[in-house]
Amino acid sequence: MGRPGNARATRSDDTVLDGAFVLTNPSLGSSRWDFAGADLFVLSIFAWALVGFGNVYYGLARRVLELTGWIWSSPAARSR
């Protein structure tokens, strides 16, 4: 471990937080199992994730079309 002066806290039980604010109910929210009670927080997480997934699949499809010759990646590639 080395000298005590150079030791660093690597676990949460090694660090003392004086005056830290802790919620009594740490959950951000809850909804029913059928998603009928979804609040704005949950919907925004789903919107963020769906846009990200859509971009991944768009990029994959675009690359497949580039490799098969259906579209070109840049104007310079068209002159080849």
C-alpha atoms as a PDB file:
ATOM      1  CA  MET A   1       0.000   0.000   0.000  1.00  0.00           C
ATOM      2  CA  GLY A   2       2.912   2.344   0.558  1.00  0.00           C
ATOM      3  CA  ARG A   3       3.074   5.203   3.004  1.00  0.00           C
ATOM      4  CA  PRO A   4      -0.141   6.207   4.794  1.00  0.00           C
ATOM      5  CA  GLY A   5       0.142   9.752   3.479  1.00  0.00           C
ATOM      6  CA  ASN A   6      -0.060   8.537  -0.124  1.00  0.00           C
ATOM      7  CA  ALA A   7      -3.029   6.209   0.383  1.00  0.00           C
ATOM      8  CA  ARG A   8      -6.220   7.121  -1.401  1.00  0.00           C
ATOM      9  CA  ALA A   9      -9.803   6.169  -0.698  1.00  0.00           C
ATOM     10  CA  THR A  10     -10.925   3.562  -3.207  1.00  0.00           C
ATOM     11  CA  ARG A  11     -14.069   2.333  -1.491  1.00  0.00           C
ATOM     12  CA  SER A  12     -17.100   4.222  -0.275  1.00  0.00           C
ATOM     13  CA  ASP A  13     -16.589   3.075   3.314  1.00  0.00           C
ATOM     14  CA  ASP A  14     -13.096   4.620   3.318  1.00  0.00           C
ATOM     15  CA  THR A  15     -14.396   8.164   2.773  1.00  0.00           C
ATOM     16  CA  VAL A  16     -16.109  10.234   5.458  1.00  0.00           C
ATOM     17  CA  LEU A  17     -18.596  12.810   4.165  1.00  0.00           C
ATOM     18  CA  ASP A  18     -19.413  15.381   6.846  1.00  0.00           C
ATOM     19  CA  GLY A  19     -22.662  17.250   6.304  1.00  0.00           C
ATOM     20  CA  ALA A  20     -23.685  15.228   3.221  1.00  0.00           C
ATOM     21  CA  PHE A  21     -27.378  15.314   2.252  1.00  0.00           C
ATOM     22  CA  VAL A  22     -28.997  11.886   1.824  1.00  0.00           C
ATOM     23  CA  LEU A  23     -32.581  11.324   0.730  1.00  0.00           C
ATOM     24  CA  THR A  24     -34.759   9.142   2.927  1.00  0.00           C
ATOM     25  CA  ASN A  25     -36.339   7.610  -0.209  1.00  0.00           C
ATOM     26  CA  PRO A  26     -33.526   7.259  -2.765  1.00  0.00           C
ATOM     27  CA  SER A  27     -35.691   6.089  -5.683  1.00  0.00           C
ATOM     28  CA  LEU A  28     -36.168   8.503  -8.592  1.00  0.00           C
ATOM     29  CA  GLY A  29     -39.632   7.271  -9.385  1.00  0.00           C
ATOM     30  CA  SER A  30     -41.793   4.235  -9.894  1.00  0.00           C
ATOM     31  CA  SER A  31     -44.461   3.186 -12.339  1.00  0.00           C
ATOM     32  CA  ARG A  32     -46.732   0.243 -12.907  1.00  0.00           C
ATOM     33  CA  TRP A  33     -45.451  -2.829 -14.694  1.00  0.00           C
ATOM     34  CA  ASP A  34     -47.541  -2.065 -17.804  1.00  0.00           C
ATOM     35  CA  PHE A  35     -45.909   1.381 -18.311  1.00  0.00           C
ATOM     36  CA  ALA A  36     -49.250   3.168 -17.891  1.00  0.00           C
ATOM     37  CA  GLY A  37     -47.943   5.391 -15.110  1.00  0.00           C
ATOM     38  CA  ALA A  38     -44.717   6.475 -16.820  1.00  0.00           C
ATOM     39  CA  ASP A  39     -43.638   9.971 -15.888  1.00  0.00           C
ATOM     40  CA  LEU A  40     -41.570  12.461 -17.869  1.00  0.00           C
ATOM     41  CA  PHE A  41     -38.285  11.120 -16.478  1.00  0.00           C
ATOM     42  CA  VAL A  42     -38.969   7.578 -17.677  1.00  0.00           C
ATOM     43  CA  LEU A  43     -40.223   8.779 -21.064  1.00  0.00           C
ATOM     44  CA  SER A  44     -37.141  10.933 -21.577  1.00  0.00           C
ATOM     45  CA  ILE A  45     -34.868   7.952 -20.851  1.00  0.00           C
ATOM     46  CA  PHE A  46     -36.774   5.898 -23.425  1.00  0.00           C
ATOM     47  CA  ALA A  47     -36.591   8.703 -25.996  1.00  0.00           C
ATOM     48  CA  TRP A  48     -32.842   9.074 -25.440  1.00  0.00           C
ATOM     49  CA  ALA A  49     -32.272   5.333 -25.792  1.00  0.00           C
ATOM     50  CA  LEU A  50     -34.446   4.934 -28.879  1.00  0.00           C
ATOM     51  CA  VAL A  51     -32.678   7.757 -30.696  1.00  0.00           C
ATOM     52  CA  GLY A  52     -29.342   6.155 -29.857  1.00  0.00           C
ATOM     53  CA  PHE A  53     -30.453   2.720 -31.051  1.00  0.00           C
ATOM     54  CA  GLY A  54     -31.852   4.245 -34.222  1.00  0.00           C
ATOM     55  CA  ASN A  55     -28.535   5.949 -34.970  1.00  0.00           C
ATOM     56  CA  VAL A  56     -26.655   2.685 -34.525  1.00  0.00           C
ATOM     57  CA  TYR A  57     -28.933   0.826 -36.927  1.00  0.00           C
ATOM     58  CA  TYR A  58     -28.863   3.719 -39.404  1.00  0.00           C
ATOM     59  CA  GLY A  59     -25.058   3.655 -39.363  1.00  0.00           C
ATOM     60  CA  LEU A  60     -24.991  -0.108 -39.899  1.00  0.00           C
ATOM     61  CA  ALA A  61     -27.439   0.085 -42.791  1.00  0.00           C
ATOM     62  CA  ARG A  62     -25.558   2.979 -44.362  1.00  0.00           C
ATOM     63  CA  ARG A  63     -22.277   1.053 -44.174  1.00  0.00           C
ATOM     64  CA  VAL A  64     -23.868  -2.041 -45.732  1.00  0.00           C
ATOM     65  CA  LEU A  65     -25.155   0.071 -48.603  1.00  0.00           C
ATOM     66  CA  GLU A  66     -21.701   1.609 -49.051  1.00  0.00           C
ATOM     67  CA  LEU A  67     -20.047  -1.822 -49.144  1.00  0.00           C
ATOM     68  CA  THR A  68     -22.549  -3.185 -51.652  1.00  0.00           C
ATOM     69  CA  GLY A  69     -22.224  -0.180 -53.929  1.00  0.00           C
ATOM     70  CA  TRP A  70     -25.771   1.119 -53.593  1.00  0.00           C
ATOM     71  CA  ILE A  71     -24.573   4.456 -52.192  1.00  0.00           C
ATOM     72  CA  TRP A  72     -21.200   6.151 -51.994  1.00  0.00           C
ATOM     73  CA  SER A  73     -19.605   7.484 -48.852  1.00  0.00           C
ATOM     74  CA  SER A  74     -18.298  10.705 -50.400  1.00  0.00           C
ATOM     75  CA  PRO A  75     -18.115  12.489 -53.771  1.00  0.00           C
ATOM     76  CA  ALA A  76     -14.450  11.449 -54.038  1.00  0.00           C
ATOM     77  CA  ALA A  77     -15.452   7.781 -53.844  1.00  0.00           C
ATOM     78  CA  ARG A  78     -17.758   8.180 -56.865  1.00  0.00           C
ATOM     79  CA  SER A  79     -14.823   8.973 -59.150  1.00  0.00           C
ATOM     80  CA  ARG A  80     -13.065   5.666 -58.426  1.00  0.00           C
END
